[in-house]
Amino acid sequence: MHLAYPAVLAVLLFCTGLYGVLARRNAILVLMSVELMLNAVNLNLVAFDVWLRDSLHAGQALTLFTIAIAAAEIGIGLAIVLAVYRNRGTADIDKLRDTAEGTGPDPVDPEDPAAPAQKAEAAA
């Protein structure tokens, strides 16, 4: 087997995943792009394991660990994305840049009864 074919396919998969991470705004699509990049790494590990004819099959063992880590990553990542979506109402990464609560252009103190009146005067 030629090593060039799976290596080129892995490079194409990795570049597609990298483009997805850099260009996408939806958090779920970014997670899918990260999974695509991890699958490109898995393809390289298995291809080099076959090419080197390793008797211990270290590339395949590392691939199994990578798959387990990717499954844990996607589970935790989706849980975080769903929690953020429930709280914020969007999964758009650009709108989630400021994750601290209560910050914004003009935070209002709920204990101050004159705060809404001052805000109305400032707007007028």
C-alpha atoms as a PDB file:
ATOM      1  CA  MET A   1       0.000   0.000   0.000  1.00  0.00           C
ATOM      2  CA  HIS A   2       1.237   3.437  -0.860  1.00  0.00           C
ATOM      3  CA  LEU A   3       1.419   5.807   2.063  1.00  0.00           C
ATOM      4  CA  ALA A   4       0.620   8.819  -0.120  1.00  0.00           C
ATOM      5  CA  TYR A   5      -3.083   8.025  -0.609  1.00  0.00           C
ATOM      6  CA  PRO A   6      -4.176   7.967   3.041  1.00  0.00           C
ATOM      7  CA  ALA A   7      -1.777  10.813   3.859  1.00  0.00           C
ATOM      8  CA  VAL A   8      -3.297  13.052   1.172  1.00  0.00           C
ATOM      9  CA  LEU A   9      -6.799  12.127   2.317  1.00  0.00           C
ATOM     10  CA  ALA A  10      -5.839  12.924   5.914  1.00  0.00           C
ATOM     11  CA  VAL A  11      -4.409  16.297   4.868  1.00  0.00           C
ATOM     12  CA  LEU A  12      -7.634  17.114   3.004  1.00  0.00           C
ATOM     13  CA  LEU A  13      -9.751  16.095   6.003  1.00  0.00           C
ATOM     14  CA  PHE A  14      -7.578  18.086   8.395  1.00  0.00           C
ATOM     15  CA  CYS A  15      -7.659  21.195   6.195  1.00  0.00           C
ATOM     16  CA  THR A  16     -11.440  20.919   5.859  1.00  0.00           C
ATOM     17  CA  GLY A  17     -11.757  20.654   9.641  1.00  0.00           C
ATOM     18  CA  LEU A  18      -9.382  23.568  10.171  1.00  0.00           C
ATOM     19  CA  TYR A  19     -11.421  25.705   7.778  1.00  0.00           C
ATOM     20  CA  GLY A  20     -14.572  24.704   9.657  1.00  0.00           C
ATOM     21  CA  VAL A  21     -13.068  25.714  13.002  1.00  0.00           C
ATOM     22  CA  LEU A  22     -11.858  29.076  11.708  1.00  0.00           C
ATOM     23  CA  ALA A  23     -14.831  30.032   9.519  1.00  0.00           C
ATOM     24  CA  ARG A  24     -17.920  28.690  11.287  1.00  0.00           C
ATOM     25  CA  ARG A  25     -19.932  30.661  13.790  1.00  0.00           C
ATOM     26  CA  ASN A  26     -22.150  27.891  15.123  1.00  0.00           C
ATOM     27  CA  ALA A  27     -20.619  26.074  18.093  1.00  0.00           C
ATOM     28  CA  ILE A  28     -21.961  22.671  17.035  1.00  0.00           C
ATOM     29  CA  LEU A  29     -20.379  23.001  13.599  1.00  0.00           C
ATOM     30  CA  VAL A  30     -17.086  23.941  15.242  1.00  0.00           C
ATOM     31  CA  LEU A  31     -17.274  20.775  17.349  1.00  0.00           C
ATOM     32  CA  MET A  32     -17.971  18.735  14.214  1.00  0.00           C
ATOM     33  CA  SER A  33     -14.946  20.305  12.550  1.00  0.00           C
ATOM     34  CA  VAL A  34     -12.756  19.374  15.517  1.00  0.00           C
ATOM     35  CA  GLU A  35     -14.008  15.793  15.179  1.00  0.00           C
ATOM     36  CA  LEU A  36     -13.068  15.860  11.496  1.00  0.00           C
ATOM     37  CA  MET A  37      -9.556  16.961  12.419  1.00  0.00           C
ATOM     38  CA  LEU A  38      -9.257  14.175  14.992  1.00  0.00           C
ATOM     39  CA  ASN A  39     -10.391  11.635  12.396  1.00  0.00           C
ATOM     40  CA  ALA A  40      -7.659  12.859  10.057  1.00  0.00           C
ATOM     41  CA  VAL A  41      -5.124  12.212  12.806  1.00  0.00           C
ATOM     42  CA  ASN A  42      -6.604   8.736  13.351  1.00  0.00           C
ATOM     43  CA  LEU A  43      -6.279   7.988   9.655  1.00  0.00           C
ATOM     44  CA  ASN A  44      -2.618   8.990   9.741  1.00  0.00           C
ATOM     45  CA  LEU A  45      -1.945   6.865  12.819  1.00  0.00           C
ATOM     46  CA  VAL A  46      -3.436   3.748  11.230  1.00  0.00           C
ATOM     47  CA  ALA A  47      -1.777   4.382   7.863  1.00  0.00           C
ATOM     48  CA  PHE A  48       1.671   4.766   9.415  1.00  0.00           C
ATOM     49  CA  ASP A  49       1.068   1.707  11.581  1.00  0.00           C
ATOM     50  CA  VAL A  50       0.349  -0.381   8.478  1.00  0.00           C
ATOM     51  CA  TRP A  51       3.219   1.165   6.534  1.00  0.00           C
ATOM     52  CA  LEU A  52       5.793   0.568   9.284  1.00  0.00           C
ATOM     53  CA  ARG A  53       4.470  -2.977   9.952  1.00  0.00           C
ATOM     54  CA  ASP A  54       4.690  -2.459  13.697  1.00  0.00           C
ATOM     55  CA  SER A  55       4.289  -5.768  15.536  1.00  0.00           C
ATOM     56  CA  LEU A  56       2.771  -4.035  18.587  1.00  0.00           C
ATOM     57  CA  HIS A  57       0.282  -2.029  16.482  1.00  0.00           C
ATOM     58  CA  ALA A  58       1.010   1.120  18.443  1.00  0.00           C
ATOM     59  CA  GLY A  59      -0.727   3.323  15.849  1.00  0.00           C
ATOM     60  CA  GLN A  60      -3.973   1.404  16.201  1.00  0.00           C
ATOM     61  CA  ALA A  61      -3.743   1.518  19.992  1.00  0.00           C
ATOM     62  CA  LEU A  62      -3.223   5.279  19.896  1.00  0.00           C
ATOM     63  CA  THR A  63      -6.182   5.536  17.540  1.00  0.00           C
ATOM     64  CA  LEU A  64      -8.407   3.794  20.083  1.00  0.00           C
ATOM     65  CA  PHE A  65      -7.294   6.238  22.795  1.00  0.00           C
ATOM     66  CA  THR A  66      -7.911   9.167  20.442  1.00  0.00           C
ATOM     67  CA  ILE A  67     -11.417   7.900  19.662  1.00  0.00           C
ATOM     68  CA  ALA A  68     -12.178   7.574  23.386  1.00  0.00           C
ATOM     69  CA  ILE A  69     -10.904  11.090  24.080  1.00  0.00           C
ATOM     70  CA  ALA A  70     -12.878  12.457  21.109  1.00  0.00           C
ATOM     71  CA  ALA A  71     -16.066  10.828  22.408  1.00  0.00           C
ATOM     72  CA  ALA A  72     -15.563  12.388  25.827  1.00  0.00           C
ATOM     73  CA  GLU A  73     -14.758  15.759  24.247  1.00  0.00           C
ATOM     74  CA  ILE A  74     -17.863  15.786  22.082  1.00  0.00           C
ATOM     75  CA  GLY A  75     -20.063  14.732  25.015  1.00  0.00           C
ATOM     76  CA  ILE A  76     -18.786  17.494  27.283  1.00  0.00           C
ATOM     77  CA  GLY A  77     -18.726  20.010  24.432  1.00  0.00           C
ATOM     78  CA  LEU A  78     -22.330  19.342  23.462  1.00  0.00           C
ATOM     79  CA  ALA A  79     -23.413  19.586  27.097  1.00  0.00           C
ATOM     80  CA  ILE A  80     -21.735  22.991  27.372  1.00  0.00           C
ATOM     81  CA  VAL A  81     -23.249  24.177  24.082  1.00  0.00           C
ATOM     82  CA  LEU A  82     -26.737  23.077  25.164  1.00  0.00           C
ATOM     83  CA  ALA A  83     -26.375  24.814  28.531  1.00  0.00           C
ATOM     84  CA  VAL A  84     -25.212  28.018  26.856  1.00  0.00           C
ATOM     85  CA  TYR A  85     -28.049  27.786  24.320  1.00  0.00           C
ATOM     86  CA  ARG A  86     -30.626  27.423  27.095  1.00  0.00           C
ATOM     87  CA  ASN A  87     -29.232  30.440  28.955  1.00  0.00           C
ATOM     88  CA  ARG A  88     -28.437  32.728  26.026  1.00  0.00           C
ATOM     89  CA  GLY A  89     -30.808  31.530  23.311  1.00  0.00           C
ATOM     90  CA  THR A  90     -28.093  31.234  20.655  1.00  0.00           C
ATOM     91  CA  ALA A  91     -25.190  29.002  19.716  1.00  0.00           C
ATOM     92  CA  ASP A  92     -23.502  31.723  17.641  1.00  0.00           C
ATOM     93  CA  ILE A  93     -19.908  32.031  18.822  1.00  0.00           C
ATOM     94  CA  ASP A  94     -19.599  35.705  17.879  1.00  0.00           C
ATOM     95  CA  LYS A  95     -22.555  36.582  20.113  1.00  0.00           C
ATOM     96  CA  LEU A  96     -21.098  34.589  23.011  1.00  0.00           C
ATOM     97  CA  ARG A  97     -17.794  36.455  23.280  1.00  0.00           C
ATOM     98  CA  ASP A  98     -18.808  38.173  26.496  1.00  0.00           C
ATOM     99  CA  THR A  99     -19.815  35.349  28.821  1.00  0.00           C
ATOM    100  CA  ALA A 100     -19.777  37.270  32.105  1.00  0.00           C
ATOM    101  CA  GLU A 101     -23.231  37.987  33.445  1.00  0.00           C
ATOM    102  CA  GLY A 102     -24.344  41.519  34.121  1.00  0.00           C
ATOM    103  CA  THR A 103     -21.833  43.180  31.838  1.00  0.00           C
ATOM    104  CA  GLY A 104     -22.773  45.277  28.923  1.00  0.00           C
ATOM    105  CA  PRO A 105     -22.785  48.865  27.795  1.00  0.00           C
ATOM    106  CA  ASP A 106     -24.717  50.080  30.858  1.00  0.00           C
ATOM    107  CA  PRO A 107     -25.314  47.539  33.656  1.00  0.00           C
ATOM    108  CA  VAL A 108     -28.248  48.332  35.932  1.00  0.00           C
ATOM    109  CA  ASP A 109     -28.022  47.695  39.685  1.00  0.00           C
ATOM    110  CA  PRO A 110     -31.267  45.929  40.736  1.00  0.00           C
ATOM    111  CA  GLU A 111     -30.934  47.301  44.302  1.00  0.00           C
ATOM    112  CA  ASP A 112     -30.920  50.936  43.133  1.00  0.00           C
ATOM    113  CA  PRO A 113     -34.545  52.170  42.672  1.00  0.00           C
ATOM    114  CA  ALA A 114     -33.400  55.329  40.861  1.00  0.00           C
ATOM    115  CA  ALA A 115     -31.480  53.411  38.182  1.00  0.00           C
ATOM    116  CA  PRO A 116     -34.407  53.022  35.695  1.00  0.00           C
ATOM    117  CA  ALA A 117     -35.260  56.726  36.081  1.00  0.00           C
ATOM    118  CA  GLN A 118     -31.648  57.757  35.467  1.00  0.00           C
ATOM    119  CA  LYS A 119     -31.524  55.509  32.414  1.00  0.00           C
ATOM    120  CA  ALA A 120     -34.739  57.059  31.038  1.00  0.00           C
ATOM    121  CA  GLU A 121     -33.326  60.587  31.582  1.00  0.00           C
ATOM    122  CA  ALA A 122     -30.109  59.653  29.802  1.00  0.00           C
ATOM    123  CA  ALA A 123     -32.058  58.310  26.823  1.00  0.00           C
ATOM    124  CA  ALA A 124     -34.191  61.461  26.542  1.00  0.00           C
END
